Structure formats: structure tokens, C-alpha cells
């Protein structure tokens, strides 16, 4: 089991933690941000491979911001 801890930049969320087992997401926890949306995103990511999650979330913007919580989750997954 691998756990990624990430401090996002440019979004409301303050901390992200992702558990992976052999490259498959097992759990996602986010502190701060839009609680309902992030719970939904976290639930959808469980069972997805790291690569699939990155390809689906990377580059998503939040309004006029150049990033978003999904994009920051992708950045977290890319770091390890």
C-alpha cells in the first residue's frame, strides 16, 4: 500500500491524501474545498488506476482559476 500526501495549490482544498495498492486507488481524503463535490469525486476514483485518474482529471479548471481540485489530485498522483 502506498499513501500520497499532497498540499494542493491554487484551490480551496488544503490537504489531499490518496491510498493506492499496486497503482489502483483505494481511498481519497480531502480536507477543505467543496465537501459534497469532493466526496463524489473521491468515491468515483476508488478502483481506478493512477494513469486513468490522471488522464481524466488533469487540466480541469475551476472557473477562471488555472487549476481545480480534480487537477490537483492528478498532480498529486503524478508526483509519485
PDB file of N, CA and C in Angstrom:
ATOM      1  N   UNK A   1       0.850  -1.179   0.000  1.00  0.00           N
ATOM      2  CA  UNK A   1       0.000   0.000   0.000  1.00  0.00           C
ATOM      3  C   UNK A   1       0.891   1.236   0.000  1.00  0.00           C
ATOM      4  N   UNK A   2       0.520   2.190  -0.807  1.00  0.00           N
ATOM      5  CA  UNK A   2       1.238   3.465  -0.919  1.00  0.00           C
ATOM      6  C   UNK A   2       0.262   4.581  -0.571  1.00  0.00           C
ATOM      7  N   UNK A   3       0.705   5.555   0.205  1.00  0.00           N
ATOM      8  CA  UNK A   3      -0.123   6.712   0.532  1.00  0.00           C
ATOM      9  C   UNK A   3       0.571   7.972   0.047  1.00  0.00           C
ATOM     10  N   UNK A   4      -0.147   8.743  -0.752  1.00  0.00           N
ATOM     11  CA  UNK A   4       0.357  10.020  -1.253  1.00  0.00           C
ATOM     12  C   UNK A   4      -0.277  11.120  -0.413  1.00  0.00           C
ATOM     13  N   UNK A   5       0.548  11.981   0.142  1.00  0.00           N
ATOM     14  CA  UNK A   5       0.072  13.158   0.863  1.00  0.00           C
ATOM     15  C   UNK A   5       0.495  14.375   0.056  1.00  0.00           C
ATOM     16  N   UNK A   6      -0.457  15.262  -0.194  1.00  0.00           N
ATOM     17  CA  UNK A   6      -0.199  16.370  -1.112  1.00  0.00           C
ATOM     18  C   UNK A   6      -0.862  17.642  -0.590  1.00  0.00           C
ATOM     19  N   UNK A   7      -0.145  18.751  -0.669  1.00  0.00           N
ATOM     20  CA  UNK A   7      -0.693  20.061  -0.334  1.00  0.00           C
ATOM     21  C   UNK A   7      -1.021  20.767  -1.649  1.00  0.00           C
ATOM     22  N   UNK A   8      -2.315  20.886  -1.979  1.00  0.00           N
ATOM     23  CA  UNK A   8      -2.697  21.491  -3.249  1.00  0.00           C
ATOM     24  C   UNK A   8      -2.413  22.986  -3.281  1.00  0.00           C
ATOM     25  N   UNK A   9      -2.289  23.507  -4.494  1.00  0.00           N
ATOM     26  CA  UNK A   9      -2.012  24.928  -4.713  1.00  0.00           C
ATOM     27  C   UNK A   9      -3.101  25.522  -5.593  1.00  0.00           C
ATOM     28  N   UNK A  10      -3.556  26.724  -5.233  1.00  0.00           N
ATOM     29  CA  UNK A  10      -4.494  27.457  -6.082  1.00  0.00           C
ATOM     30  C   UNK A  10      -5.945  27.014  -5.983  1.00  0.00           C
ATOM     31  N   UNK A  11      -6.270  26.207  -4.967  1.00  0.00           N
ATOM     32  CA  UNK A  11      -7.654  25.749  -4.777  1.00  0.00           C
ATOM     33  C   UNK A  11      -8.040  25.899  -3.310  1.00  0.00           C
ATOM     34  N   UNK A  12      -9.316  25.666  -3.019  1.00  0.00           N
ATOM     35  CA  UNK A  12      -9.814  25.798  -1.639  1.00  0.00           C
ATOM     36  C   UNK A  12      -9.362  24.655  -0.739  1.00  0.00           C
ATOM     37  N   UNK A  13      -9.185  23.466  -1.313  1.00  0.00           N
ATOM     38  CA  UNK A  13      -8.756  22.313  -0.521  1.00  0.00           C
ATOM     39  C   UNK A  13      -7.372  22.585   0.069  1.00  0.00           C
ATOM     40  N   UNK A  14      -7.166  22.091   1.305  1.00  0.00           N
ATOM     41  CA  UNK A  14      -5.899  22.351   1.994  1.00  0.00           C
ATOM     42  C   UNK A  14      -4.972  21.145   2.040  1.00  0.00           C
ATOM     43  N   UNK A  15      -5.532  19.959   1.920  1.00  0.00           N
ATOM     44  CA  UNK A  15      -4.716  18.750   2.013  1.00  0.00           C
ATOM     45  C   UNK A  15      -5.416  17.607   1.277  1.00  0.00           C
ATOM     46  N   UNK A  16      -4.624  16.779   0.612  1.00  0.00           N
ATOM     47  CA  UNK A  16      -5.148  15.614  -0.097  1.00  0.00           C
ATOM     48  C   UNK A  16      -4.330  14.392   0.288  1.00  0.00           C
ATOM     49  N   UNK A  17      -5.013  13.269   0.458  1.00  0.00           N
ATOM     50  CA  UNK A  17      -4.348  12.009   0.788  1.00  0.00           C
ATOM     51  C   UNK A  17      -4.977  10.918  -0.069  1.00  0.00           C
ATOM     52  N   UNK A  18      -4.133  10.176  -0.769  1.00  0.00           N
ATOM     53  CA  UNK A  18      -4.607   9.139  -1.687  1.00  0.00           C
ATOM     54  C   UNK A  18      -3.910   7.831  -1.349  1.00  0.00           C
ATOM     55  N   UNK A  19      -4.696   6.775  -1.131  1.00  0.00           N
ATOM     56  CA  UNK A  19      -4.161   5.434  -0.890  1.00  0.00           C
ATOM     57  C   UNK A  19      -4.244   4.629  -2.172  1.00  0.00           C
ATOM     58  N   UNK A  20      -3.103   4.015  -2.557  1.00  0.00           N
ATOM     59  CA  UNK A  20      -3.046   3.171  -3.743  1.00  0.00           C
ATOM     60  C   UNK A  20      -2.506   1.795  -3.378  1.00  0.00           C
ATOM     61  N   UNK A  21      -2.987   0.793  -4.086  1.00  0.00           N
ATOM     62  CA  UNK A  21      -2.478  -0.565  -3.945  1.00  0.00           C
ATOM     63  C   UNK A  21      -2.172  -1.070  -5.341  1.00  0.00           C
ATOM     64  N   UNK A  22      -0.899  -1.271  -5.633  1.00  0.00           N
ATOM     65  CA  UNK A  22      -0.458  -1.688  -6.964  1.00  0.00           C
ATOM     66  C   UNK A  22      -0.981  -0.762  -8.056  1.00  0.00           C
ATOM     67  N   UNK A  23      -0.956   0.557  -7.794  1.00  0.00           N
ATOM     68  CA  UNK A  23      -1.357   1.540  -8.789  1.00  0.00           C
ATOM     69  C   UNK A  23      -2.853   1.750  -8.914  1.00  0.00           C
ATOM     70  N   UNK A  24      -3.648   1.114  -8.050  1.00  0.00           N
ATOM     71  CA  UNK A  24      -5.108   1.271  -8.075  1.00  0.00           C
ATOM     72  C   UNK A  24      -5.536   2.067  -6.843  1.00  0.00           C
ATOM     73  N   UNK A  25      -6.353   3.095  -7.056  1.00  0.00           N
ATOM     74  CA  UNK A  25      -6.792   3.958  -5.965  1.00  0.00           C
ATOM     75  C   UNK A  25      -7.748   3.199  -5.049  1.00  0.00           C
ATOM     76  N   UNK A  26      -7.428   3.220  -3.756  1.00  0.00           N
ATOM     77  CA  UNK A  26      -8.238   2.550  -2.745  1.00  0.00           C
ATOM     78  C   UNK A  26      -9.082   3.530  -1.932  1.00  0.00           C
ATOM     79  N   UNK A  27      -8.559   4.743  -1.707  1.00  0.00           N
ATOM     80  CA  UNK A  27      -9.274   5.753  -0.931  1.00  0.00           C
ATOM     81  C   UNK A  27      -8.688   7.123  -1.242  1.00  0.00           C
ATOM     82  N   UNK A  28      -9.544   8.150  -1.145  1.00  0.00           N
ATOM     83  CA  UNK A  28      -9.125   9.542  -1.330  1.00  0.00           C
ATOM     84  C   UNK A  28      -9.756  10.355  -0.209  1.00  0.00           C
ATOM     85  N   UNK A  29      -8.931  11.157   0.464  1.00  0.00           N
ATOM     86  CA  UNK A  29      -9.415  12.036   1.509  1.00  0.00           C
ATOM     87  C   UNK A  29      -8.943  13.455   1.197  1.00  0.00           C
ATOM     88  N   UNK A  30      -9.866  14.416   1.304  1.00  0.00           N
ATOM     89  CA  UNK A  30      -9.544  15.813   1.024  1.00  0.00           C
ATOM     90  C   UNK A  30     -10.037  16.661   2.186  1.00  0.00           C
ATOM     91  N   UNK A  31      -9.157  17.550   2.666  1.00  0.00           N
ATOM     92  CA  UNK A  31      -9.508  18.479   3.730  1.00  0.00           C
ATOM     93  C   UNK A  31      -9.740  19.839   3.089  1.00  0.00           C
ATOM     94  N   UNK A  32     -10.918  20.425   3.343  1.00  0.00           N
ATOM     95  CA  UNK A  32     -11.272  21.713   2.757  1.00  0.00           C
ATOM     96  C   UNK A  32     -11.912  21.512   1.395  1.00  0.00           C
ATOM     97  N   UNK A  33     -12.218  22.610   0.742  1.00  0.00           N
ATOM     98  CA  UNK A  33     -12.838  22.530  -0.573  1.00  0.00           C
ATOM     99  C   UNK A  33     -14.340  22.319  -0.488  1.00  0.00           C
ATOM    100  N   UNK A  34     -14.963  22.014  -1.620  1.00  0.00           N
ATOM    101  CA  UNK A  34     -16.409  21.790  -1.715  1.00  0.00           C
ATOM    102  C   UNK A  34     -16.704  20.362  -1.293  1.00  0.00           C
ATOM    103  N   UNK A  35     -17.139  20.181  -0.071  1.00  0.00           N
ATOM    104  CA  UNK A  35     -17.259  18.871   0.550  1.00  0.00           C
ATOM    105  C   UNK A  35     -18.046  17.866  -0.287  1.00  0.00           C
ATOM    106  N   UNK A  36     -19.238  18.225  -0.729  1.00  0.00           N
ATOM    107  CA  UNK A  36     -20.062  17.286  -1.490  1.00  0.00           C
ATOM    108  C   UNK A  36     -19.411  16.880  -2.797  1.00  0.00           C
ATOM    109  N   UNK A  37     -18.888  17.847  -3.537  1.00  0.00           N
ATOM    110  CA  UNK A  37     -18.230  17.540  -4.806  1.00  0.00           C
ATOM    111  C   UNK A  37     -17.011  16.651  -4.604  1.00  0.00           C
ATOM    112  N   UNK A  38     -16.220  16.957  -3.601  1.00  0.00           N
ATOM    113  CA  UNK A  38     -15.010  16.176  -3.377  1.00  0.00           C
ATOM    114  C   UNK A  38     -15.314  14.782  -2.853  1.00  0.00           C
ATOM    115  N   UNK A  39     -16.391  14.629  -2.097  1.00  0.00           N
ATOM    116  CA  UNK A  39     -16.799  13.281  -1.686  1.00  0.00           C
ATOM    117  C   UNK A  39     -17.200  12.468  -2.904  1.00  0.00           C
ATOM    118  N   UNK A  40     -17.921  13.102  -3.830  1.00  0.00           N
ATOM    119  CA  UNK A  40     -18.334  12.416  -5.051  1.00  0.00           C
ATOM    120  C   UNK A  40     -17.145  12.025  -5.911  1.00  0.00           C
ATOM    121  N   UNK A  41     -16.216  12.949  -6.117  1.00  0.00           N
ATOM    122  CA  UNK A  41     -15.017  12.665  -6.903  1.00  0.00           C
ATOM    123  C   UNK A  41     -14.220  11.545  -6.247  1.00  0.00           C
ATOM    124  N   UNK A  42     -14.056  11.630  -4.931  1.00  0.00           N
ATOM    125  CA  UNK A  42     -13.293  10.611  -4.210  1.00  0.00           C
ATOM    126  C   UNK A  42     -13.914   9.234  -4.386  1.00  0.00           C
ATOM    127  N   UNK A  43     -15.231   9.158  -4.304  1.00  0.00           N
ATOM    128  CA  UNK A  43     -15.927   7.880  -4.469  1.00  0.00           C
ATOM    129  C   UNK A  43     -15.752   7.324  -5.881  1.00  0.00           C
ATOM    130  N   UNK A  44     -15.833   8.193  -6.875  1.00  0.00           N
ATOM    131  CA  UNK A  44     -15.678   7.754  -8.263  1.00  0.00           C
ATOM    132  C   UNK A  44     -14.264   7.259  -8.569  1.00  0.00           C
ATOM    133  N   UNK A  45     -13.266   7.794  -7.876  1.00  0.00           N
ATOM    134  CA  UNK A  45     -11.881   7.410  -8.139  1.00  0.00           C
ATOM    135  C   UNK A  45     -11.509   6.037  -7.592  1.00  0.00           C
ATOM    136  N   UNK A  46     -12.220   5.566  -6.575  1.00  0.00           N
ATOM    137  CA  UNK A  46     -11.894   4.267  -5.973  1.00  0.00           C
ATOM    138  C   UNK A  46     -12.025   3.164  -7.023  1.00  0.00           C
ATOM    139  N   UNK A  47     -10.961   2.372  -7.161  1.00  0.00           N
ATOM    140  CA  UNK A  47     -10.918   1.291  -8.143  1.00  0.00           C
ATOM    141  C   UNK A  47     -10.292   1.686  -9.470  1.00  0.00           C
ATOM    142  N   UNK A  48     -10.050   2.981  -9.665  1.00  0.00           N
ATOM    143  CA  UNK A  48      -9.454   3.476 -10.905  1.00  0.00           C
ATOM    144  C   UNK A  48      -7.926   3.417 -10.807  1.00  0.00           C
ATOM    145  N   UNK A  49      -7.254   3.159 -11.911  1.00  0.00           N
ATOM    146  CA  UNK A  49      -5.798   3.174 -11.901  1.00  0.00           C
ATOM    147  C   UNK A  49      -5.298   4.619 -11.838  1.00  0.00           C
ATOM    148  N   UNK A  50      -4.088   4.754 -11.360  1.00  0.00           N
ATOM    149  CA  UNK A  50      -3.445   6.066 -11.291  1.00  0.00           C
ATOM    150  C   UNK A  50      -3.466   6.743 -12.665  1.00  0.00           C
ATOM    151  N   UNK A  51      -3.096   6.009 -13.707  1.00  0.00           N
ATOM    152  CA  UNK A  51      -2.998   6.570 -15.055  1.00  0.00           C
ATOM    153  C   UNK A  51      -4.355   7.033 -15.570  1.00  0.00           C
ATOM    154  N   UNK A  52      -5.389   6.242 -15.333  1.00  0.00           N
ATOM    155  CA  UNK A  52      -6.734   6.606 -15.785  1.00  0.00           C
ATOM    156  C   UNK A  52      -7.213   7.859 -15.071  1.00  0.00           C
ATOM    157  N   UNK A  53      -6.992   7.936 -13.760  1.00  0.00           N
ATOM    158  CA  UNK A  53      -7.405   9.108 -12.992  1.00  0.00           C
ATOM    159  C   UNK A  53      -6.691  10.361 -13.486  1.00  0.00           C
ATOM    160  N   UNK A  54      -5.396  10.265 -13.738  1.00  0.00           N
ATOM    161  CA  UNK A  54      -4.629  11.411 -14.242  1.00  0.00           C
ATOM    162  C   UNK A  54      -5.189  11.858 -15.585  1.00  0.00           C
ATOM    163  N   UNK A  55      -5.429  10.911 -16.490  1.00  0.00           N
ATOM    164  CA  UNK A  55      -5.896  11.278 -17.831  1.00  0.00           C
ATOM    165  C   UNK A  55      -7.280  11.919 -17.794  1.00  0.00           C
ATOM    166  N   UNK A  56      -8.112  11.551 -16.838  1.00  0.00           N
ATOM    167  CA  UNK A  56      -9.462  12.114 -16.748  1.00  0.00           C
ATOM    168  C   UNK A  56      -9.503  13.477 -16.049  1.00  0.00           C
ATOM    169  N   UNK A  57      -8.591  13.720 -15.105  1.00  0.00           N
ATOM    170  CA  UNK A  57      -8.687  14.931 -14.282  1.00  0.00           C
ATOM    171  C   UNK A  57      -7.698  16.031 -14.624  1.00  0.00           C
ATOM    172  N   UNK A  58      -6.560  15.690 -15.195  1.00  0.00           N
ATOM    173  CA  UNK A  58      -5.525  16.687 -15.457  1.00  0.00           C
ATOM    174  C   UNK A  58      -6.021  17.755 -16.423  1.00  0.00           C
ATOM    175  N   UNK A  59      -5.781  19.007 -16.068  1.00  0.00           N
ATOM    176  CA  UNK A  59      -6.127  20.123 -16.946  1.00  0.00           C
ATOM    177  C   UNK A  59      -7.510  20.716 -16.712  1.00  0.00           C
ATOM    178  N   UNK A  60      -8.278  20.160 -15.774  1.00  0.00           N
ATOM    179  CA  UNK A  60      -9.595  20.724 -15.475  1.00  0.00           C
ATOM    180  C   UNK A  60      -9.409  22.033 -14.709  1.00  0.00           C
ATOM    181  N   UNK A  61     -10.163  23.051 -15.100  1.00  0.00           N
ATOM    182  CA  UNK A  61     -10.086  24.372 -14.462  1.00  0.00           C
ATOM    183  C   UNK A  61     -11.310  24.584 -13.585  1.00  0.00           C
ATOM    184  N   UNK A  62     -11.188  25.452 -12.596  1.00  0.00           N
ATOM    185  CA  UNK A  62     -12.306  25.835 -11.730  1.00  0.00           C
ATOM    186  C   UNK A  62     -12.577  27.314 -11.985  1.00  0.00           C
ATOM    187  N   UNK A  63     -13.614  27.601 -12.751  1.00  0.00           N
ATOM    188  CA  UNK A  63     -13.904  28.989 -13.112  1.00  0.00           C
ATOM    189  C   UNK A  63     -12.721  29.601 -13.838  1.00  0.00           C
ATOM    190  N   UNK A  64     -12.275  30.753 -13.370  1.00  0.00           N
ATOM    191  CA  UNK A  64     -11.148  31.445 -14.000  1.00  0.00           C
ATOM    192  C   UNK A  64      -9.795  30.958 -13.488  1.00  0.00           C
ATOM    193  N   UNK A  65      -9.810  30.072 -12.485  1.00  0.00           N
ATOM    194  CA  UNK A  65      -8.553  29.553 -11.942  1.00  0.00           C
ATOM    195  C   UNK A  65      -7.898  28.618 -12.965  1.00  0.00           C
ATOM    196  N   UNK A  66      -6.580  28.606 -13.023  1.00  0.00           N
ATOM    197  CA  UNK A  66      -5.888  27.724 -13.966  1.00  0.00           C
ATOM    198  C   UNK A  66      -5.815  26.269 -13.506  1.00  0.00           C
ATOM    199  N   UNK A  67      -6.411  25.956 -12.369  1.00  0.00           N
ATOM    200  CA  UNK A  67      -6.389  24.602 -11.825  1.00  0.00           C
ATOM    201  C   UNK A  67      -7.717  24.336 -11.125  1.00  0.00           C
ATOM    202  N   UNK A  68      -7.855  23.163 -10.539  1.00  0.00           N
ATOM    203  CA  UNK A  68      -9.064  22.769  -9.806  1.00  0.00           C
ATOM    204  C   UNK A  68      -8.676  21.657  -8.843  1.00  0.00           C
ATOM    205  N   UNK A  69      -9.596  21.262  -7.974  1.00  0.00           N
ATOM    206  CA  UNK A  69      -9.305  20.140  -7.085  1.00  0.00           C
ATOM    207  C   UNK A  69      -9.041  18.853  -7.878  1.00  0.00           C
ATOM    208  N   UNK A  70      -9.835  18.544  -8.920  1.00  0.00           N
ATOM    209  CA  UNK A  70      -9.503  17.354  -9.713  1.00  0.00           C
ATOM    210  C   UNK A  70      -8.108  17.456 -10.342  1.00  0.00           C
ATOM    211  N   UNK A  71      -7.758  18.619 -10.879  1.00  0.00           N
ATOM    212  CA  UNK A  71      -6.429  18.801 -11.471  1.00  0.00           C
ATOM    213  C   UNK A  71      -5.350  18.631 -10.417  1.00  0.00           C
ATOM    214  N   UNK A  72      -5.579  19.135  -9.208  1.00  0.00           N
ATOM    215  CA  UNK A  72      -4.594  18.993  -8.138  1.00  0.00           C
ATOM    216  C   UNK A  72      -4.464  17.530  -7.700  1.00  0.00           C
ATOM    217  N   UNK A  73      -5.571  16.779  -7.713  1.00  0.00           N
ATOM    218  CA  UNK A  73      -5.478  15.340  -7.435  1.00  0.00           C
ATOM    219  C   UNK A  73      -4.614  14.657  -8.494  1.00  0.00           C
ATOM    220  N   UNK A  74      -4.780  15.061  -9.746  1.00  0.00           N
ATOM    221  CA  UNK A  74      -3.948  14.499 -10.823  1.00  0.00           C
ATOM    222  C   UNK A  74      -2.479  14.837 -10.594  1.00  0.00           C
ATOM    223  N   UNK A  75      -2.203  16.075 -10.171  1.00  0.00           N
ATOM    224  CA  UNK A  75      -0.808  16.472  -9.904  1.00  0.00           C
ATOM    225  C   UNK A  75      -0.230  15.643  -8.767  1.00  0.00           C
ATOM    226  N   UNK A  76      -1.039  15.377  -7.748  1.00  0.00           N
ATOM    227  CA  UNK A  76      -0.589  14.546  -6.627  1.00  0.00           C
ATOM    228  C   UNK A  76      -0.229  13.151  -7.119  1.00  0.00           C
ATOM    229  N   UNK A  77      -1.081  12.589  -7.964  1.00  0.00           N
ATOM    230  CA  UNK A  77      -0.828  11.230  -8.487  1.00  0.00           C
ATOM    231  C   UNK A  77       0.396  11.200  -9.385  1.00  0.00           C
ATOM    232  N   UNK A  78       0.700  12.279 -10.079  1.00  0.00           N
ATOM    233  CA  UNK A  78       1.866  12.336 -10.958  1.00  0.00           C
ATOM    234  C   UNK A  78       3.177  12.427 -10.187  1.00  0.00           C
ATOM    235  N   UNK A  79       3.143  12.932  -8.974  1.00  0.00           N
ATOM    236  CA  UNK A  79       4.380  13.129  -8.207  1.00  0.00           C
ATOM    237  C   UNK A  79       5.055  11.827  -7.802  1.00  0.00           C
ATOM    238  N   UNK A  80       4.283  10.777  -7.640  1.00  0.00           N
ATOM    239  CA  UNK A  80       4.888   9.527  -7.144  1.00  0.00           C
ATOM    240  C   UNK A  80       4.859   8.467  -8.213  1.00  0.00           C
TER     241      UNK A  80
END
